[in-house]
C-alpha cells in the first residue's frame, strides 16, 4: 500500500474514533467547564475572546483573498503605487482600539468573580465555624453559609487532604466535599513542585515547597471529578492522580464522622502495638 494512502487511512481512522467517542474530543478548543462556577466563568471569558478573534481572522483573510483575486496581475499589467489611505488607516485603528476596550471591560467584569470565591449556597454545608483563606486572596463572604477550607499537600507521588476540626480528618488521593459549598484550598508541597489540577474546575494551582498557593471551587451537583498532577515531579508523576467526589452536605457529614472514627481507631491500634513491643523488649 502506498505511503500516502496508508497515512490517509490512518488519519480517517483516528477521526472516526474521535467522532465515535465525543468525550475524547470534548473541550478540545476551549477550557473545560461544568464542574464549578469558577471554571464556567473562565470558559465563558475564553469563548468571548475566541469568537471575537475568529471574526477578525475571517475579516482579515477574507479581505486578503478577495484583494488577491480581484486585483490579480494581468499579463503586461503594472501595479499601482499606493502610498497611504487615511480613512482606512484611521478606521482600522479605531476598530482595533474599540475591540481592545470591549475585551478589557468584559475581562474585568468576569475577573472579580474568577478571583473572589462566592458565598456558599443556603443548602450548602452548615459548619459551626467558617474557615478562610488569607494569602493573596480576600476573605470569602460568609453570608449564605460558611466556607470549607482544605489543606492540600503534594508529596511524591500522592495528594494529601487535611480538613479543619477538633478531631483529625484527612484523606489521600480522593477529596470529598459537600455540594453548593465554597471550598477554599490552601496548596503546598513537601518535596518538589507539583500542580493540583481538576480540569472541570478550571485553572491549575502549583504546589510549591515553602510557599502557599490558594484556589477555590464550588460544586453545584454531586459527582466525581478527576484530575492529575500537571507538573513533572519525578518518575511516578503519571501515577499522581487527583479526584474530587462531591456529595450532599448530609452525606459529607456522615463520611467525615466515619473517617474520623477510622483514623482514631487506627491510632489507638498503633499505640497498642507499640505498648506490646515495648513490653516484649523489656
Protein backbone atom coordinates (compact mmCIF):
# COMPACT_ATOMS: atom_id res chain seq x y z
CA UNK A 1 0.00 0.00 0.00
CA UNK A 2 1.41 3.42 -0.92
CA UNK A 3 2.60 5.50 1.99
CA UNK A 4 0.17 8.36 1.26
CA UNK A 5 -2.80 6.00 1.13
CA UNK A 6 -1.72 4.42 4.42
CA UNK A 7 -1.41 7.84 6.06
CA UNK A 8 -4.84 8.87 4.78
CA UNK A 9 -6.39 5.65 6.11
CA UNK A 10 -4.76 6.15 9.50
CA UNK A 11 -5.99 9.76 9.69
CA UNK A 12 -9.53 8.73 8.76
CA UNK A 13 -9.49 6.02 11.43
CA UNK A 14 -8.29 8.48 14.07
CA UNK A 15 -11.05 10.96 13.15
CA UNK A 16 -13.64 8.19 13.24
CA UNK A 17 -12.51 7.17 16.73
CA UNK A 18 -12.84 10.77 17.97
CA UNK A 19 -16.31 11.08 16.46
CA UNK A 20 -17.37 7.76 18.00
CA UNK A 21 -16.12 8.89 21.42
CA UNK A 22 -17.24 12.52 21.86
CA UNK A 23 -15.76 12.68 25.36
CA UNK A 24 -12.28 12.34 23.91
CA UNK A 25 -12.82 15.46 21.83
CA UNK A 26 -14.72 17.43 24.47
CA UNK A 27 -13.42 20.95 25.14
CA UNK A 28 -10.61 20.44 22.64
CA UNK A 29 -10.50 24.14 21.74
CA UNK A 30 -11.81 25.76 24.94
CA UNK A 31 -11.18 25.21 28.67
CA UNK A 32 -13.18 22.51 30.39
CA UNK A 33 -16.21 23.64 32.39
CA UNK A 34 -19.32 22.36 34.08
CA UNK A 35 -17.76 21.41 37.41
CA UNK A 36 -17.56 24.76 39.16
CA UNK A 37 -18.74 28.35 38.74
CA UNK A 38 -15.09 29.41 38.60
CA UNK A 39 -14.43 27.12 35.61
CA UNK A 40 -17.65 28.27 33.90
CA UNK A 41 -16.63 31.94 34.16
CA UNK A 42 -13.16 31.22 32.77
CA UNK A 43 -14.66 29.20 29.92
CA UNK A 44 -17.14 31.98 29.06
CA UNK A 45 -14.45 34.66 29.05
CA UNK A 46 -12.23 32.48 26.86
CA UNK A 47 -15.05 31.87 24.37
CA UNK A 48 -15.88 35.58 24.09
CA UNK A 49 -12.25 36.32 23.24
CA UNK A 50 -12.04 33.34 20.87
CA UNK A 51 -15.18 34.25 18.92
CA UNK A 52 -14.08 37.88 18.51
CA UNK A 53 -10.69 36.59 17.30
CA UNK A 54 -12.37 34.27 14.79
CA UNK A 55 -14.42 37.15 13.36
CA UNK A 56 -11.29 39.31 12.99
CA UNK A 57 -9.41 36.39 11.41
CA UNK A 58 -12.16 35.83 8.84
CA UNK A 59 -12.39 39.54 8.02
CA UNK A 60 -8.64 39.91 7.54
CA UNK A 61 -8.14 36.76 5.50
CA UNK A 62 -11.38 37.30 3.56
CA UNK A 63 -10.24 40.78 2.58
CA UNK A 64 -6.78 39.48 1.67
CA UNK A 65 -8.10 36.67 -0.54
CA UNK A 66 -10.69 38.97 -2.15
CA UNK A 67 -7.95 41.50 -2.95
CA UNK A 68 -5.67 38.82 -4.39
CA UNK A 69 -8.41 37.54 -6.68
CA UNK A 70 -9.91 40.88 -7.73
CA UNK A 71 -6.64 42.71 -8.28
CA UNK A 72 -4.53 39.86 -9.55
CA UNK A 73 -1.95 40.91 -12.10
CA UNK A 74 -2.80 40.70 -15.76
CA UNK A 75 -0.25 39.92 -18.46
CA UNK A 76 1.63 43.10 -19.20
CA UNK A 77 -0.06 44.92 -16.31
CA UNK A 78 1.67 47.34 -13.95
CA UNK A 79 0.95 47.63 -10.23
CA UNK A 80 -0.32 50.94 -8.89
CA UNK A 81 1.81 52.58 -6.21
CA UNK A 82 -0.42 53.34 -3.19
CA UNK A 83 1.28 55.47 -0.56
CA UNK A 84 -1.49 55.72 2.02
CA UNK A 85 -5.21 55.72 2.72
CA UNK A 86 -6.01 57.98 5.66
CA UNK A 87 -9.70 56.97 6.13
CA UNK A 88 -8.77 53.26 6.05
CA UNK A 89 -5.87 53.69 8.48
CA UNK A 90 -7.97 55.75 10.92
CA UNK A 91 -10.81 53.24 10.60
CA UNK A 92 -8.81 50.15 11.49
CA UNK A 93 -7.03 51.99 14.31
CA UNK A 94 -10.36 53.00 15.87
CA UNK A 95 -11.75 49.50 15.26
CA UNK A 96 -8.80 47.78 16.92
CA UNK A 97 -8.93 50.19 19.88
CA UNK A 98 -12.67 49.59 20.27
CA UNK A 99 -12.20 45.81 20.32
CA UNK A 100 -9.44 46.19 22.93
CA UNK A 101 -11.69 48.35 25.13
CA UNK A 102 -14.57 45.86 24.87
CA UNK A 103 -12.31 42.91 25.77
CA UNK A 104 -10.82 44.85 28.69
CA UNK A 105 -14.24 45.74 30.11
CA UNK A 106 -15.59 42.20 29.72
CA UNK A 107 -12.42 40.75 31.29
CA UNK A 108 -12.67 42.95 34.37
CA UNK A 109 -16.38 42.17 34.71
CA UNK A 110 -15.56 38.45 34.91
CA UNK A 111 -12.24 38.78 36.73
CA UNK A 112 -13.73 39.64 40.12
CA UNK A 113 -15.93 36.52 40.12
CA UNK A 114 -12.99 34.38 38.98
CA UNK A 115 -10.60 35.64 41.69
CA UNK A 116 -13.02 36.02 44.64
CA UNK A 117 -14.90 32.98 45.95
CA UNK A 118 -18.68 33.39 46.17
CA UNK A 119 -20.70 32.62 49.26
CA UNK A 120 -21.82 29.07 49.93
CA UNK A 121 -25.42 28.42 49.00
CA UNK A 122 -28.15 28.20 51.64
CA UNK A 123 -28.29 24.43 51.18
CA UNK A 124 -24.51 24.03 51.47
CA UNK A 125 -22.55 22.71 54.43
CA UNK A 126 -23.56 24.43 57.67
CA UNK A 127 -20.35 24.17 59.67
CA UNK A 128 -20.03 25.52 63.18
CA UNK A 129 -17.20 27.88 62.27
CA UNK A 130 -16.12 29.38 58.96
CA UNK A 131 -12.61 28.74 57.68
CA UNK A 132 -10.92 31.35 55.50
CA UNK A 133 -8.08 31.70 53.05
CA UNK A 134 -5.97 34.75 53.76
CA UNK A 135 -2.92 34.87 51.47
CA UNK A 136 -3.14 36.69 48.12
CA UNK A 137 -6.91 36.41 48.21
CA UNK A 138 -9.67 38.28 50.05
CA UNK A 139 -11.66 36.50 52.73
CA UNK A 140 -14.62 34.77 51.08
CA UNK A 141 -18.06 36.13 52.01
CA UNK A 142 -19.88 34.19 54.71
CA UNK A 143 -23.45 35.26 54.05
CA UNK A 144 -25.44 32.29 52.83
CA UNK A 145 -23.23 29.71 54.55
CA UNK A 146 -19.67 29.27 55.83
CA UNK A 147 -16.59 28.31 53.85
CA UNK A 148 -14.89 24.92 53.99
CA UNK A 149 -11.10 25.23 53.93
CA UNK A 150 -8.98 22.22 52.97
CA UNK A 151 -5.20 21.96 53.13
CA UNK A 152 -3.75 20.26 50.02
CA UNK A 153 -0.25 18.81 50.30
CA UNK A 154 1.61 17.40 47.30
CA UNK A 155 4.03 14.54 48.01
CA UNK A 156 5.85 12.24 45.64
CA UNK A 157 3.55 10.74 44.34
CA UNK A 158 0.29 11.33 46.16
CA UNK A 159 -2.02 14.12 47.33
CA UNK A 160 -2.99 14.50 50.98
CA UNK A 161 -6.06 16.50 52.03
CA UNK A 162 -6.41 17.80 55.60
CA UNK A 163 -9.76 19.10 56.84
CA UNK A 164 -10.42 21.54 59.70
CA UNK A 165 -11.93 20.47 63.00
CA UNK A 166 -11.08 19.46 66.56
CA UNK A 167 -10.83 15.78 65.57
CA UNK A 168 -8.22 14.85 62.97
CA UNK A 169 -9.56 14.29 59.46
CA UNK A 170 -7.52 13.67 56.34
CA UNK A 171 -7.59 11.60 53.17
CA UNK A 172 -5.25 10.60 50.35
CA UNK A 173 -5.89 10.88 46.58
CA UNK A 174 -9.65 11.47 46.97
CA UNK A 175 -11.02 14.76 48.28
CA UNK A 176 -14.62 14.56 49.44
CA UNK A 177 -16.56 17.84 49.51
CA UNK A 178 -20.16 18.92 50.07
CA UNK A 179 -22.15 20.36 47.17
CA UNK A 180 -23.14 24.02 46.95
CA UNK A 181 -20.38 24.90 49.42
CA UNK A 182 -17.46 27.18 48.67
CA UNK A 183 -14.27 25.15 49.14
CA UNK A 184 -11.08 27.18 49.60
CA UNK A 185 -7.82 25.29 49.07
CA UNK A 186 -4.50 26.00 50.76
CA UNK A 187 -1.98 24.29 48.48
CA UNK A 188 1.68 23.49 49.13
CA UNK A 189 4.20 20.66 48.68
CA UNK A 190 6.53 18.66 50.94
CA UNK A 191 9.32 17.85 48.47
CA UNK A 192 9.30 19.15 44.87
CA UNK A 193 6.96 21.31 42.80
CA UNK A 194 3.63 19.70 41.94
CA UNK A 195 0.49 21.15 40.33
CA UNK A 196 -3.03 20.34 41.52
CA UNK A 197 -5.46 20.27 38.62
CA UNK A 198 -9.04 19.15 38.18
CA UNK A 199 -9.85 20.20 34.56
CA UNK A 200 -13.58 20.64 35.23
CA UNK A 201 -12.78 23.13 38.00
CA UNK A 202 -10.69 25.48 35.87
CA UNK A 203 -7.07 26.59 36.28
CA UNK A 204 -4.12 24.65 37.66
CA UNK A 205 -2.64 25.60 41.05
CA UNK A 206 1.06 24.97 41.69
CA UNK A 207 2.08 23.25 44.91
CA UNK A 208 5.47 24.70 45.86
CA UNK A 209 7.62 23.75 48.90
CA UNK A 210 7.77 26.64 51.36
CA UNK A 211 5.04 28.66 49.64
CA UNK A 212 1.25 28.63 49.99
CA UNK A 213 -0.93 28.92 46.90
CA UNK A 214 -4.68 29.23 47.09
CA UNK A 215 -7.57 28.31 44.85
CA UNK A 216 -11.28 27.68 45.26
CA UNK A 217 -14.25 25.96 43.71
CA UNK A 218 -17.95 25.44 44.39
CA UNK A 219 -19.62 22.32 43.01
CA UNK A 220 -23.38 22.62 42.38
CA UNK A 221 -24.09 18.94 41.71
CA UNK A 222 -23.00 15.60 43.08
CA UNK A 223 -20.43 13.73 41.01
CA UNK A 224 -16.86 12.55 40.62
CA UNK A 225 -14.29 14.90 39.07
CA UNK A 226 -10.88 13.51 38.12
CA UNK A 227 -7.56 15.21 37.51
CA UNK A 228 -3.83 14.76 37.91
CA UNK A 229 -0.59 16.43 38.84
CA UNK A 230 0.17 18.85 35.99
CA UNK A 231 3.84 19.48 36.83
CA UNK A 232 6.54 16.90 36.05
CA UNK A 233 7.65 15.84 39.53
CA UNK A 234 9.63 12.63 39.09
CA UNK A 235 9.43 9.06 37.85
CA UNK A 236 5.99 8.46 39.41
CA UNK A 237 4.43 11.65 38.04
CA UNK A 238 1.99 9.83 35.74
CA UNK A 239 0.50 7.96 38.73
CA UNK A 240 -0.06 11.10 40.84
CA UNK A 241 -3.78 11.41 40.22
CA UNK A 242 -6.35 13.56 41.98
CA UNK A 243 -10.06 13.05 42.47
CA UNK A 244 -12.81 15.20 43.97
CA UNK A 245 -16.05 13.50 44.98
CA UNK A 246 -18.94 15.89 45.58
CA UNK A 247 -21.71 14.60 47.82
CA UNK A 248 -24.67 16.17 49.62
CA UNK A 249 -23.88 18.05 52.86
CA UNK A 250 -25.59 15.29 54.86
CA UNK A 251 -23.53 12.58 53.15
CA UNK A 252 -20.37 14.64 53.71
CA UNK A 253 -21.04 14.87 57.45
CA UNK A 254 -21.54 11.10 57.60
CA UNK A 255 -18.33 10.47 55.64
CA UNK A 256 -16.34 12.88 57.83
CA UNK A 257 -17.61 11.30 61.05
CA UNK A 258 -16.84 7.76 59.85
CA UNK A 259 -13.41 8.82 58.57
CA UNK A 260 -12.53 10.49 61.89
CA UNK A 261 -13.56 7.33 63.74
CA UNK A 262 -11.38 5.20 61.45
CA UNK A 263 -8.38 7.50 61.98
CA UNK A 264 -8.80 7.42 65.75
CA UNK A 265 -9.21 3.64 65.79
CA UNK A 266 -6.09 3.21 63.64
CA UNK A 267 -4.15 5.49 66.02
CA UNK A 268 -5.33 3.54 69.06
CA UNK A 269 -4.40 0.24 67.41
CA UNK A 270 -0.93 1.58 66.56
CA UNK A 271 -0.44 2.81 70.14
CA UNK A 272 -1.42 -0.62 71.44
CA UNK A 273 1.08 -2.31 69.14
CA UNK A 274 3.83 -0.01 70.41
CA UNK A 275 2.99 -0.84 74.01
CA UNK A 276 3.15 -4.55 73.25
CA UNK A 277 6.53 -4.17 71.51
CA UNK A 278 7.91 -2.11 74.38
CA UNK A 279 6.66 -4.75 76.84
CA UNK A 280 8.32 -7.51 74.85
CA UNK A 281 11.54 -5.52 74.71
CA UNK A 282 11.63 -5.13 78.48
